[in-house]
């Protein structure tokens, strides 16, 4: 990347703060999708341009986590509010097959069918019950007070008519006149009976609504289940899905978090569903389009560890496939990404490992808590997700404030240390929780560190003792060498006197090596004598 481009990226980081809002006295940044005009508007325009082409039905918005896909789709959904239904698989958790009851059809427990079930549920439940009168999913809807009042008034009129037809109108009037000794007033009697009918109808409506709710909760008529003879939820509820789009007039479906499950087969079924939904429409209305937010690696070779046998039904379990061999297989895997979509719009990340460090410093610019640039750069090499970085900085601000709060705080925690702890907390959540009980990997690392330090200290202390002993031995040996050397020189001089050679110069040889009188007191001389094992070998001439 050129220097100009890098500076432009850093400029992108500098614009983040002006687009953010802050929460509370700590000025925390929310983690919700945040639309930034300078970064996201080109992608929204690209999506709008796709809608102008009637042949484009499946649109992919691809990019890694934290690049802004949710922000882009949120603004796009706002611009097409009446046409969009959003389906998010964020809360879907795949249940282990060993925990599923035997009465549940096996084909309904496959990953693809579990995802389909959630999609069908979110689609059908996104419509108001009053807009789906013929749906077999009788859900509880918000009661219409006006409608209930009209029904009650109608019941009151019917009740009054029955009183006239059966003759009870006159009988009630006569009974009231004789009992209360008042004049008969037909109009007042009619109004009272009408009011009684209306009030009774309203009471019955309230009571019946409560009973219907109980029956629906106990019987569960709106539960999305799969029959034994059906192979997929899309097949079984196809008529309901078609009816939903016909009645709701929705033409755009946004799918998020489909890539969490690494199930490329779901894209095959969604494309087939889209084809079925658009096939009967004679283009008198807008085509139904599916828009997917996903990561690029969902169709990578490493993300395709399994494939279904040729000709197998949808409920059939996937089998392990061998590693791709040859260019043909590799090309097929690479083509999977473009196989299911009519157009792929990549979202270019404006945060990378080279700019994340600058972003961290920018996120903490308004806070009194600051970290060193070097630790921000180290963190930025490994964490480039915008939401994760915001959360790390938020938690750092709170922890730094609370750990150093109050009077008489004995320990002052360094900002870099707290920031490193927050990085660990956000990237190793479970391990951070285990730190309270001393069972985390970090505690294990600390124990290993202390054990290594103790072992090294013991080794160094032993080496030091040995060196001290060696030094002591060398000192003693040196003194003995000097003592023996002096005695040997005295012996040589005495021998020279006995030979009437006192005062004359002489030379000494040991193992054919010349020695001076001073050499007799050296440790090396006596060490060579001890090593040779020879008794009489010093020659004096």
Protein backbone atom coordinates (compact mmCIF):
# COMPACT_ATOMS: atom_id res chain seq x y z
CA UNK A 1 0.00 0.00 0.00
CA UNK A 2 1.39 3.42 -0.90
CA UNK A 3 2.15 6.09 1.69
CA UNK A 4 -0.73 8.19 0.37
CA UNK A 5 -3.18 5.33 0.81
CA UNK A 6 -1.89 4.64 4.32
CA UNK A 7 -2.36 8.27 5.28
CA UNK A 8 -5.85 8.15 3.79
CA UNK A 9 -6.64 5.13 5.97
CA UNK A 10 -5.35 6.95 9.03
CA UNK A 11 -7.60 9.83 8.03
CA UNK A 12 -10.51 7.38 8.04
CA UNK A 13 -9.63 6.50 11.62
CA UNK A 14 -9.61 10.18 12.55
CA UNK A 15 -13.24 10.57 11.40
CA UNK A 16 -14.56 7.88 13.74
CA UNK A 17 -14.95 10.10 16.79
CA UNK A 18 -17.15 12.70 15.14
CA UNK A 19 -19.62 9.99 14.09
CA UNK A 20 -19.83 8.44 17.56
CA UNK A 21 -22.12 9.23 20.44
CA UNK A 22 -21.06 8.86 24.06
CA UNK A 23 -22.83 7.30 27.03
CA UNK A 24 -22.56 8.56 30.61
CA UNK A 25 -19.79 10.28 32.50
CA UNK A 26 -17.28 7.70 31.32
CA UNK A 27 -18.19 8.60 27.71
CA UNK A 28 -18.49 4.99 26.64
CA UNK A 29 -19.11 4.20 22.99
CA UNK A 30 -22.15 2.04 22.08
CA UNK A 31 -21.45 -1.17 20.16
CA UNK A 32 -24.54 -0.88 17.97
CA UNK A 33 -24.09 -0.55 14.19
CA UNK A 34 -23.14 3.03 13.43
CA UNK A 35 -23.66 4.39 9.95
CA UNK A 36 -20.80 6.57 8.75
CA UNK A 37 -21.59 8.46 5.61
CA UNK A 38 -18.02 8.67 4.34
CA UNK A 39 -17.41 4.93 4.65
CA UNK A 40 -20.78 3.28 4.08
CA UNK A 41 -22.76 5.40 1.60
CA UNK A 42 -21.06 3.93 -1.53
CA UNK A 43 -22.20 0.44 -0.52
CA UNK A 44 -25.78 1.57 0.10
CA UNK A 45 -25.79 3.16 -3.35
CA UNK A 46 -24.45 -0.07 -4.84
CA UNK A 47 -27.29 -2.04 -3.23
CA UNK A 48 -29.83 0.44 -4.55
CA UNK A 49 -28.33 0.13 -8.03
CA UNK A 50 -28.76 -3.65 -7.83
CA UNK A 51 -32.49 -3.17 -7.33
CA UNK A 52 -32.71 -1.49 -10.72
CA UNK A 53 -31.69 -4.73 -12.44
CA UNK A 54 -34.63 -7.16 -12.45
CA UNK A 55 -32.33 -10.11 -13.13
CA UNK A 56 -30.47 -9.73 -9.83
CA UNK A 57 -32.24 -11.71 -7.11
CA UNK A 58 -29.44 -12.89 -4.79
CA UNK A 59 -27.03 -10.24 -3.50
CA UNK A 60 -24.04 -10.91 -1.23
CA UNK A 61 -22.45 -8.22 0.92
CA UNK A 62 -19.14 -9.83 1.87
CA UNK A 63 -16.46 -8.89 4.33
CA UNK A 64 -14.90 -9.84 7.64
CA UNK A 65 -16.39 -9.19 11.05
CA UNK A 66 -16.48 -5.55 12.08
CA UNK A 67 -16.11 -4.01 8.62
CA UNK A 68 -19.56 -2.36 8.76
CA UNK A 69 -21.92 -4.79 6.99
CA UNK A 70 -24.60 -4.38 9.67
CA UNK A 71 -24.36 -0.59 9.50
CA UNK A 72 -24.74 -0.64 5.73
CA UNK A 73 -27.72 -3.00 5.78
CA UNK A 74 -29.36 -1.07 8.62
CA UNK A 75 -29.33 2.14 6.57
CA UNK A 76 -30.47 0.23 3.48
CA UNK A 77 -33.37 -1.27 5.46
CA UNK A 78 -34.36 2.18 6.72
CA UNK A 79 -34.50 3.49 3.16
CA UNK A 80 -36.75 0.57 2.11
CA UNK A 81 -38.65 0.16 5.36
CA UNK A 82 -41.91 -1.07 3.88
CA UNK A 83 -40.23 -3.61 1.60
CA UNK A 84 -37.68 -5.22 3.94
CA UNK A 85 -37.91 -8.15 6.32
CA UNK A 86 -34.75 -8.87 8.30
CA UNK A 87 -33.75 -12.39 9.36
CA UNK A 88 -30.95 -12.72 11.90
CA UNK A 89 -29.49 -16.05 13.01
CA UNK A 90 -27.49 -14.47 15.82
CA UNK A 91 -29.53 -16.12 18.59
CA UNK A 92 -29.80 -19.54 16.94
CA UNK A 93 -27.94 -22.28 18.80
CA UNK A 94 -27.59 -25.70 17.21
CA UNK A 95 -28.58 -28.43 19.67
CA UNK A 96 -26.44 -31.55 19.92
CA UNK A 97 -28.20 -34.52 18.33
CA UNK A 98 -27.68 -36.63 21.44
CA UNK A 99 -29.94 -34.22 23.35
CA UNK A 100 -32.84 -34.44 20.87
CA UNK A 101 -35.81 -36.68 21.62
CA UNK A 102 -36.22 -39.81 19.48
CA UNK A 103 -39.71 -38.69 18.45
CA UNK A 104 -38.22 -35.80 16.45
CA UNK A 105 -37.68 -36.73 12.76
CA UNK A 106 -33.98 -37.25 12.04
CA UNK A 107 -34.04 -35.05 8.96
CA UNK A 108 -35.18 -32.09 11.07
CA UNK A 109 -32.01 -32.25 13.17
CA UNK A 110 -29.57 -31.52 10.34
CA UNK A 111 -27.79 -28.19 10.44
CA UNK A 112 -29.46 -26.99 7.23
CA UNK A 113 -32.97 -27.83 8.46
CA UNK A 114 -32.41 -26.20 11.83
CA UNK A 115 -31.39 -23.01 10.05
CA UNK A 116 -34.40 -23.30 7.72
CA UNK A 117 -36.70 -23.69 10.73
CA UNK A 118 -35.44 -20.45 12.24
CA UNK A 119 -35.78 -18.63 8.90
CA UNK A 120 -39.37 -19.85 8.43
CA UNK A 121 -40.25 -18.85 11.98
CA UNK A 122 -38.82 -15.35 11.65
CA UNK A 123 -40.44 -14.80 8.25
CA UNK A 124 -43.93 -15.89 9.28
CA UNK A 125 -43.86 -14.20 12.66
CA UNK A 126 -42.74 -10.88 11.21
CA UNK A 127 -46.22 -10.32 9.72
CA UNK A 128 -49.19 -9.02 11.68
CA UNK A 129 -51.86 -11.70 12.32
CA UNK A 130 -54.53 -9.47 10.77
CA UNK A 131 -52.53 -9.38 7.53
CA UNK A 132 -52.45 -13.20 7.34
CA UNK A 133 -56.09 -14.25 7.83
CA UNK A 134 -55.75 -17.54 5.92
CA UNK A 135 -52.51 -18.64 7.55
CA UNK A 136 -52.67 -21.81 9.61
CA UNK A 137 -50.47 -20.12 12.19
CA UNK A 138 -53.12 -18.61 14.46
CA UNK A 139 -51.01 -16.30 16.54
CA UNK A 140 -52.05 -13.93 19.28
CA UNK A 141 -52.47 -10.47 17.83
CA UNK A 142 -53.08 -7.07 19.35
CA UNK A 143 -56.85 -6.70 19.89
CA UNK A 144 -58.68 -3.98 17.97
CA UNK A 145 -60.84 -2.01 20.38
CA UNK A 146 -62.80 -0.43 17.55
CA UNK A 147 -63.56 -3.83 16.06
CA UNK A 148 -64.66 -5.15 19.45
CA UNK A 149 -66.87 -2.11 20.01
CA UNK A 150 -68.56 -2.61 16.63
CA UNK A 151 -69.15 -6.30 17.39
CA UNK A 152 -70.55 -5.42 20.82
CA UNK A 153 -72.89 -2.81 19.31
CA UNK A 154 -74.05 -5.32 16.71
CA UNK A 155 -74.70 -7.88 19.47
CA UNK A 156 -76.63 -5.27 21.44
CA UNK A 157 -78.89 -4.55 18.45
CA UNK A 158 -79.43 -8.28 17.87
CA UNK A 159 -80.27 -8.74 21.55
CA UNK A 160 -82.76 -5.89 21.38
CA UNK A 161 -84.37 -7.40 18.26
CA UNK A 162 -84.73 -10.76 20.00
CA UNK A 163 -86.48 -9.01 22.89
CA UNK A 164 -89.00 -7.48 20.44
CA UNK A 165 -89.61 -10.72 18.52
CA UNK A 166 -90.12 -12.87 21.59
CA UNK A 167 -92.37 -10.30 23.32
CA UNK A 168 -90.03 -9.88 26.23
CA UNK A 169 -89.67 -6.17 25.47
CA UNK A 170 -93.25 -5.45 26.59
CA UNK A 171 -93.13 -7.92 29.46
CA UNK A 172 -89.99 -6.34 30.88
CA UNK A 173 -91.54 -2.86 30.59
CA UNK A 174 -94.71 -3.94 32.40
CA UNK A 175 -92.70 -5.66 35.13
CA UNK A 176 -90.58 -2.56 35.68
CA UNK A 177 -93.68 -0.29 35.83
CA UNK A 178 -95.51 -2.48 38.35
CA UNK A 179 -92.46 -3.12 40.50
CA UNK A 180 -91.11 0.43 40.78
CA UNK A 181 -94.51 2.20 40.38
CA UNK A 182 -93.30 4.32 37.46
CA UNK A 183 -94.82 5.16 34.09
CA UNK A 184 -93.93 2.88 31.17
CA UNK A 185 -91.36 4.54 28.85
CA UNK A 186 -90.61 2.37 25.78
CA UNK A 187 -87.61 4.50 24.70
CA UNK A 188 -85.90 4.24 28.08
CA UNK A 189 -86.59 0.53 28.19
CA UNK A 190 -85.07 0.09 24.70
CA UNK A 191 -81.91 2.01 25.68
CA UNK A 192 -81.45 -0.03 28.85
CA UNK A 193 -81.81 -3.34 26.99
CA UNK A 194 -79.41 -2.16 24.28
CA UNK A 195 -76.86 -1.18 26.93
CA UNK A 196 -77.24 -4.55 28.64
CA UNK A 197 -76.63 -6.33 25.34
CA UNK A 198 -73.53 -4.26 24.52
CA UNK A 199 -71.99 -4.68 27.99
CA UNK A 200 -72.70 -8.43 27.98
CA UNK A 201 -71.05 -8.77 24.57
CA UNK A 202 -67.94 -6.89 25.73
CA UNK A 203 -67.67 -9.12 28.80
CA UNK A 204 -67.98 -12.26 26.66
CA UNK A 205 -65.32 -10.95 24.26
CA UNK A 206 -62.88 -10.39 27.12
CA UNK A 207 -63.55 -13.83 28.59
CA UNK A 208 -63.29 -15.59 25.23
CA UNK A 209 -60.02 -13.81 24.42
CA UNK A 210 -58.47 -15.14 27.60
CA UNK A 211 -59.63 -18.70 26.87
CA UNK A 212 -58.33 -18.59 23.28
CA UNK A 213 -54.94 -17.49 24.55
CA UNK A 214 -54.76 -20.44 26.88
CA UNK A 215 -55.69 -22.92 24.18
CA UNK A 216 -53.12 -21.47 21.80
CA UNK A 217 -50.38 -21.68 24.40
CA UNK A 218 -51.20 -25.23 25.39
CA UNK A 219 -51.97 -26.65 21.96
CA UNK A 220 -49.24 -24.69 20.18
CA UNK A 221 -50.89 -24.31 16.75
CA UNK A 222 -48.17 -21.90 15.60
CA UNK A 223 -45.23 -24.19 16.33
CA UNK A 224 -42.94 -24.71 13.36
CA UNK A 225 -42.29 -28.47 13.18
CA UNK A 226 -41.29 -30.91 10.46
CA UNK A 227 -43.41 -33.91 9.48
CA UNK A 228 -41.92 -37.36 8.97
CA UNK A 229 -42.64 -37.33 5.24
CA UNK A 230 -41.10 -33.87 4.67
CA UNK A 231 -37.40 -33.46 3.92
CA UNK A 232 -37.06 -29.74 4.65
CA UNK A 233 -38.89 -26.88 6.32
CA UNK A 234 -38.86 -24.88 3.09
CA UNK A 235 -40.70 -27.71 1.32
CA UNK A 236 -43.28 -28.22 4.06
CA UNK A 237 -44.07 -24.54 4.57
CA UNK A 238 -43.63 -23.35 0.99
CA UNK A 239 -47.30 -22.41 0.70
CA UNK A 240 -47.06 -20.36 3.91
CA UNK A 241 -43.91 -18.62 2.68
CA UNK A 242 -45.51 -17.78 -0.68
CA UNK A 243 -48.64 -16.57 1.12
CA UNK A 244 -46.49 -14.40 3.38
CA UNK A 245 -44.87 -12.59 0.45
CA UNK A 246 -48.20 -12.22 -1.34
CA UNK A 247 -49.93 -10.68 1.66
CA UNK A 248 -47.07 -8.66 3.16
CA UNK A 249 -45.88 -7.20 -0.16
CA UNK A 250 -42.31 -7.53 1.10
CA UNK A 251 -39.75 -7.83 -1.68
CA UNK A 252 -36.42 -7.66 0.19
CA UNK A 253 -35.14 -10.20 2.70
CA UNK A 254 -31.89 -9.47 4.55
CA UNK A 255 -30.09 -12.49 6.03
CA UNK A 256 -27.45 -11.89 8.70
CA UNK A 257 -25.19 -14.33 10.57
CA UNK A 258 -25.76 -17.22 8.17
CA UNK A 259 -22.00 -17.64 7.97
CA UNK A 260 -21.76 -18.54 11.67
CA UNK A 261 -22.60 -22.16 10.91
CA UNK A 262 -20.22 -22.83 7.98
CA UNK A 263 -23.06 -24.55 6.12
CA UNK A 264 -22.81 -23.67 2.45
CA UNK A 265 -25.76 -26.00 1.68
CA UNK A 266 -28.18 -23.48 3.20
CA UNK A 267 -27.29 -21.08 0.38
CA UNK A 268 -28.30 -23.71 -2.17
CA UNK A 269 -31.72 -24.08 -0.55
CA UNK A 270 -32.21 -20.32 -0.24
CA UNK A 271 -31.35 -19.79 -3.89
CA UNK A 272 -33.82 -22.54 -4.83
CA UNK A 273 -36.46 -20.91 -2.62
CA UNK A 274 -35.86 -17.54 -4.25
CA UNK A 275 -36.24 -19.13 -7.67
CA UNK A 276 -39.59 -20.63 -6.66
CA UNK A 277 -40.83 -17.36 -5.22
CA UNK A 278 -39.98 -15.44 -8.38
CA UNK A 279 -41.03 -18.03 -10.97
CA UNK A 280 -44.83 -17.43 -10.87
CA UNK A 281 -44.52 -13.67 -10.77
CA UNK A 282 -45.09 -12.24 -14.23
CA UNK A 283 -42.94 -9.21 -13.44
CA UNK A 284 -46.07 -7.16 -12.83
CA UNK A 285 -44.58 -6.57 -9.41
CA UNK A 286 -41.06 -6.24 -8.08
CA UNK A 287 -39.03 -9.46 -7.85
CA UNK A 288 -38.23 -10.86 -4.43
CA UNK A 289 -34.57 -10.38 -3.60
CA UNK A 290 -32.43 -12.03 -0.94
CA UNK A 291 -29.51 -10.03 0.47
CA UNK A 292 -26.85 -11.88 2.46
CA UNK A 293 -24.27 -10.47 4.87
CA UNK A 294 -21.43 -12.96 5.13
CA UNK A 295 -17.70 -13.41 5.48
CA UNK A 296 -15.60 -14.35 2.45
CA UNK A 297 -14.22 -17.50 4.03
CA UNK A 298 -17.62 -19.22 4.24
CA UNK A 299 -16.88 -20.77 0.83
CA UNK A 300 -13.21 -21.39 1.46
CA UNK A 301 -11.90 -24.93 1.08
CA UNK A 302 -11.22 -25.11 4.82
CA UNK A 303 -14.88 -24.26 5.51
CA UNK A 304 -16.19 -27.16 3.41
CA UNK A 305 -15.18 -30.24 5.39
CA UNK A 306 -18.28 -32.19 4.44
CA UNK A 307 -20.45 -32.76 1.41
CA UNK A 308 -23.62 -34.74 0.78
CA UNK A 309 -23.51 -37.90 -1.30
CA UNK A 310 -24.63 -37.55 -4.88
CA UNK A 311 -28.40 -37.87 -5.21
CA UNK A 312 -28.97 -37.87 -1.45
CA UNK A 313 -32.03 -36.26 0.07
CA UNK A 314 -31.73 -33.12 2.10
CA UNK A 315 -32.10 -34.93 5.40
CA UNK A 316 -29.19 -37.26 4.66
CA UNK A 317 -26.14 -36.82 6.85
CA UNK A 318 -23.07 -35.31 5.21
CA UNK A 319 -20.00 -37.48 4.70
CA UNK A 320 -16.37 -36.55 5.06
CA UNK A 321 -14.77 -35.76 1.71
CA UNK A 322 -11.08 -36.16 0.89
CA UNK A 323 -8.76 -33.24 0.43
CA UNK A 324 -9.21 -31.44 -2.87
CA UNK A 325 -7.02 -32.95 -5.57
CA UNK A 326 -6.14 -31.41 -8.90
CA UNK A 327 -7.04 -28.11 -10.46
CA UNK A 328 -10.60 -29.13 -11.30
CA UNK A 329 -11.56 -29.73 -7.67
CA UNK A 330 -9.78 -26.59 -6.50
CA UNK A 331 -11.54 -24.53 -9.16
CA UNK A 332 -14.91 -25.96 -8.09
CA UNK A 333 -14.29 -24.93 -4.49
CA UNK A 334 -13.22 -21.42 -5.50
CA UNK A 335 -16.36 -21.08 -7.64
CA UNK A 336 -18.67 -21.82 -4.70
CA UNK A 337 -18.53 -18.19 -3.59
CA UNK A 338 -19.96 -16.92 -6.88
CA UNK A 339 -22.18 -19.92 -7.53
CA UNK A 340 -25.06 -18.90 -5.29
CA UNK A 341 -25.16 -15.13 -5.85
CA UNK A 342 -25.99 -12.92 -8.80
CA UNK A 343 -23.63 -10.24 -7.54
CA UNK A 344 -21.08 -9.97 -4.73
CA UNK A 345 -20.32 -6.56 -3.20
CA UNK A 346 -17.13 -6.65 -1.09
CA UNK A 347 -16.85 -4.31 1.89
CA UNK A 348 -13.30 -2.99 2.17
CA UNK A 349 -12.15 -2.76 5.81
CA UNK A 350 -10.86 0.67 6.77
CA UNK A 351 -9.22 -0.84 9.86
CA UNK A 352 -6.18 -3.09 9.47
CA UNK A 353 -3.33 -4.26 11.66
CA UNK A 354 -1.39 -1.16 10.56
CA UNK A 355 -4.09 1.33 11.64
CA UNK A 356 -5.73 -0.46 14.59
CA UNK A 357 -3.12 0.90 16.99
CA UNK A 358 -3.92 4.45 15.93
CA UNK A 359 -7.62 3.67 16.34
CA UNK A 360 -7.09 2.52 19.94
CA UNK A 361 -5.32 5.77 20.79
CA UNK A 362 -8.11 7.69 19.05
CA UNK A 363 -10.83 5.85 20.98
CA UNK A 364 -9.12 6.77 24.25
CA UNK A 365 -8.37 10.35 23.27
CA UNK A 366 -11.29 11.83 25.22
CA UNK A 367 -10.61 9.70 28.29
CA UNK A 368 -8.34 10.54 31.18
CA UNK A 369 -7.05 6.97 30.93
CA UNK A 370 -4.28 6.67 28.36
CA UNK A 371 -2.08 3.79 27.24
CA UNK A 372 1.39 3.76 25.76
CA UNK A 373 1.60 3.83 21.95
CA UNK A 374 3.69 0.66 21.93
CA UNK A 375 1.02 -1.46 23.64
CA UNK A 376 -1.64 0.00 21.32
CA UNK A 377 0.47 -1.05 18.32
CA UNK A 378 0.98 -4.55 19.73
CA UNK A 379 -2.76 -4.94 20.36
CA UNK A 380 -3.57 -3.62 16.89
CA UNK A 381 -1.53 -6.35 15.23
CA UNK A 382 -3.93 -9.00 16.49
CA UNK A 383 -7.29 -7.23 17.05
CA UNK A 384 -8.80 -5.36 14.10
CA UNK A 385 -12.54 -5.73 14.81
CA UNK A 386 -14.16 -2.33 15.39
CA UNK A 387 -16.76 -3.52 17.90
CA UNK A 388 -14.20 -5.53 19.84
CA UNK A 389 -11.80 -2.59 19.99
CA UNK A 390 -14.58 -0.29 21.19
CA UNK A 391 -15.55 -2.77 23.90
CA UNK A 392 -11.94 -3.21 25.01
CA UNK A 393 -11.58 0.56 25.35
CA UNK A 394 -14.93 0.88 27.15
CA UNK A 395 -14.01 -1.77 29.69
CA UNK A 396 -10.53 -0.32 30.09
CA UNK A 397 -11.99 3.09 30.96
CA UNK A 398 -14.36 1.59 33.56
CA UNK A 399 -11.77 -0.74 35.12
CA UNK A 400 -9.11 1.96 35.24
CA UNK A 401 -11.50 4.35 36.96
CA UNK A 402 -12.80 1.85 39.53
CA UNK A 403 -9.51 0.15 40.36
CA UNK A 404 -7.87 3.49 41.10
CA UNK A 405 -10.92 5.08 42.74
CA UNK A 406 -11.41 6.10 46.37
CA UNK A 407 -9.19 7.37 49.15
CA UNK A 408 -6.37 5.37 50.58
CA UNK A 409 -5.81 3.16 47.56
CA UNK A 410 -2.60 1.30 48.38
CA UNK A 411 -1.94 -0.12 44.92
CA UNK A 412 -1.93 2.04 41.82
CA UNK A 413 -2.53 -0.03 38.72
CA UNK A 414 -0.67 1.06 35.62
CA UNK A 415 -2.81 1.90 32.58
CA UNK A 416 -0.86 -0.46 30.31
CA UNK A 417 -1.38 -3.34 32.73
CA UNK A 418 -5.14 -2.75 32.93
CA UNK A 419 -5.38 -2.45 29.15
CA UNK A 420 -3.51 -5.72 28.70
CA UNK A 421 -5.92 -7.34 31.15
CA UNK A 422 -8.92 -6.03 29.17
CA UNK A 423 -7.44 -7.42 25.97
CA UNK A 424 -7.14 -10.80 27.67
CA UNK A 425 -10.69 -10.49 29.03
CA UNK A 426 -12.19 -9.82 25.61
CA UNK A 427 -10.19 -12.37 23.66
CA UNK A 428 -10.15 -15.17 26.28
CA UNK A 429 -13.45 -14.63 28.09
CA UNK A 430 -13.71 -18.04 29.74
CA UNK A 431 -10.09 -17.96 30.88
CA UNK A 432 -10.59 -14.51 32.39
CA UNK A 433 -13.49 -15.82 34.49
CA UNK A 434 -11.35 -18.72 35.70
CA UNK A 435 -8.75 -16.25 37.00
CA UNK A 436 -10.96 -15.67 40.06
CA UNK A 437 -10.41 -19.28 41.14
CA UNK A 438 -6.82 -19.50 39.93
CA UNK A 439 -7.67 -22.07 37.24
CA UNK A 440 -7.02 -20.06 34.08
CA UNK A 441 -4.29 -20.55 31.53
CA UNK A 442 -2.72 -17.34 32.79
CA UNK A 443 -2.53 -18.77 36.31
CA UNK A 444 -0.98 -21.92 34.91
CA UNK A 445 1.53 -19.81 33.00
CA UNK A 446 2.34 -17.88 36.17
CA UNK A 447 2.84 -21.12 38.13
CA UNK A 448 5.14 -22.44 35.39
CA UNK A 449 6.98 -19.12 35.45
CA UNK A 450 7.50 -19.27 39.21
CA UNK A 451 8.56 -22.93 38.98
CA UNK A 452 11.05 -22.08 36.23
CA UNK A 453 12.41 -19.13 38.22
CA UNK A 454 12.80 -21.29 41.33
CA UNK A 455 14.54 -24.03 39.37
CA UNK A 456 16.89 -21.54 37.69
CA UNK A 457 17.65 -19.92 41.05
CA UNK A 458 18.54 -23.33 42.49
CA UNK A 459 20.77 -24.10 39.51
CA UNK A 460 22.51 -20.73 39.73
CA UNK A 461 22.99 -21.07 43.47
CA UNK A 462 24.56 -24.50 42.99
CA UNK A 463 26.85 -23.15 40.27
CA UNK A 464 27.80 -20.28 42.54
CA UNK A 465 28.67 -22.68 45.36
CA UNK A 466 30.79 -24.73 42.99
CA UNK A 467 32.58 -21.64 41.74
CA UNK A 468 33.21 -20.47 45.30
CA UNK A 469 34.57 -23.90 46.17
CA UNK A 470 36.75 -23.90 43.08
CA UNK A 471 38.04 -20.46 43.97
CA UNK A 472 38.78 -21.66 47.49
CA UNK A 473 40.56 -24.72 46.15
CA UNK A 474 42.57 -22.59 43.74
CA UNK A 475 43.62 -20.27 46.54
CA UNK A 476 44.76 -23.18 48.72
CA UNK A 477 46.56 -24.82 45.81
CA UNK A 478 48.33 -21.58 44.96
CA UNK A 479 49.55 -21.18 48.53
CA UNK A 480 50.78 -24.77 48.66
CA UNK A 481 52.53 -24.30 45.30
CA UNK A 482 54.36 -21.22 46.60
CA UNK A 483 55.34 -23.07 49.79
CA UNK A 484 56.59 -26.14 47.95
CA UNK A 485 58.35 -23.93 45.36
CA UNK A 486 60.22 -22.05 48.09
CA UNK A 487 61.24 -25.34 49.73
CA UNK A 488 62.41 -26.71 46.38
CA UNK A 489 64.47 -23.59 45.66
CA UNK A 490 66.05 -23.85 49.10
CA UNK A 491 66.84 -27.50 48.46
CA UNK A 492 68.42 -26.68 45.07
CA UNK A 493 70.52 -23.86 46.55
CA UNK A 494 71.63 -26.14 49.40
CA UNK A 495 72.60 -28.80 46.88
CA UNK A 496 74.55 -26.23 44.87
CA UNK A 497 76.47 -25.21 48.00
CA UNK A 498 77.37 -28.78 48.74
CA UNK A 499 78.79 -29.01 45.23
CA UNK A 500 80.84 -25.83 45.78
CA UNK A 501 78.68 -24.08 43.16
CA UNK A 502 77.07 -21.57 45.42
CA UNK A 503 76.45 -18.26 43.74
CA UNK A 504 76.89 -19.71 40.32
CA UNK A 505 74.11 -19.57 37.79
CA UNK A 506 72.23 -22.74 37.02
CA UNK A 507 69.39 -23.89 34.82
CA UNK A 508 66.55 -26.31 35.47
CA UNK A 509 64.55 -28.52 33.14
CA UNK A 510 61.36 -30.38 33.75
CA UNK A 511 60.16 -32.77 31.05
CA UNK A 512 62.59 -31.07 28.66
CA UNK A 513 61.14 -27.63 29.48
CA UNK A 514 63.37 -24.89 30.85
CA UNK A 515 62.36 -23.46 34.22
CA UNK A 516 63.40 -20.42 36.17
CA UNK A 517 63.59 -20.37 39.99
CA UNK A 518 60.34 -18.36 40.03
CA UNK A 519 58.56 -21.10 38.06
CA UNK A 520 59.03 -23.50 40.97
CA UNK A 521 56.36 -21.63 42.97
CA UNK A 522 53.74 -21.66 40.25
CA UNK A 523 50.62 -23.82 40.47
CA UNK A 524 51.02 -25.01 36.87
CA UNK A 525 54.43 -26.54 37.68
CA UNK A 526 53.14 -28.59 40.55
CA UNK A 527 49.99 -29.55 38.60
CA UNK A 528 52.19 -30.95 35.81
CA UNK A 529 54.22 -32.91 38.38
CA UNK A 530 51.03 -34.40 39.84
CA UNK A 531 49.73 -35.27 36.39
CA UNK A 532 52.99 -36.93 35.19
CA UNK A 533 53.39 -39.25 38.14
CA UNK A 534 57.24 -39.10 37.78
CA UNK A 535 59.30 -38.92 40.99
CA UNK A 536 62.78 -37.65 40.01
CA UNK A 537 62.76 -35.69 36.81
CA UNK A 538 63.97 -32.19 37.69
CA UNK A 539 67.35 -31.62 36.06
CA UNK A 540 69.64 -28.89 37.43
CA UNK A 541 72.74 -27.91 35.42
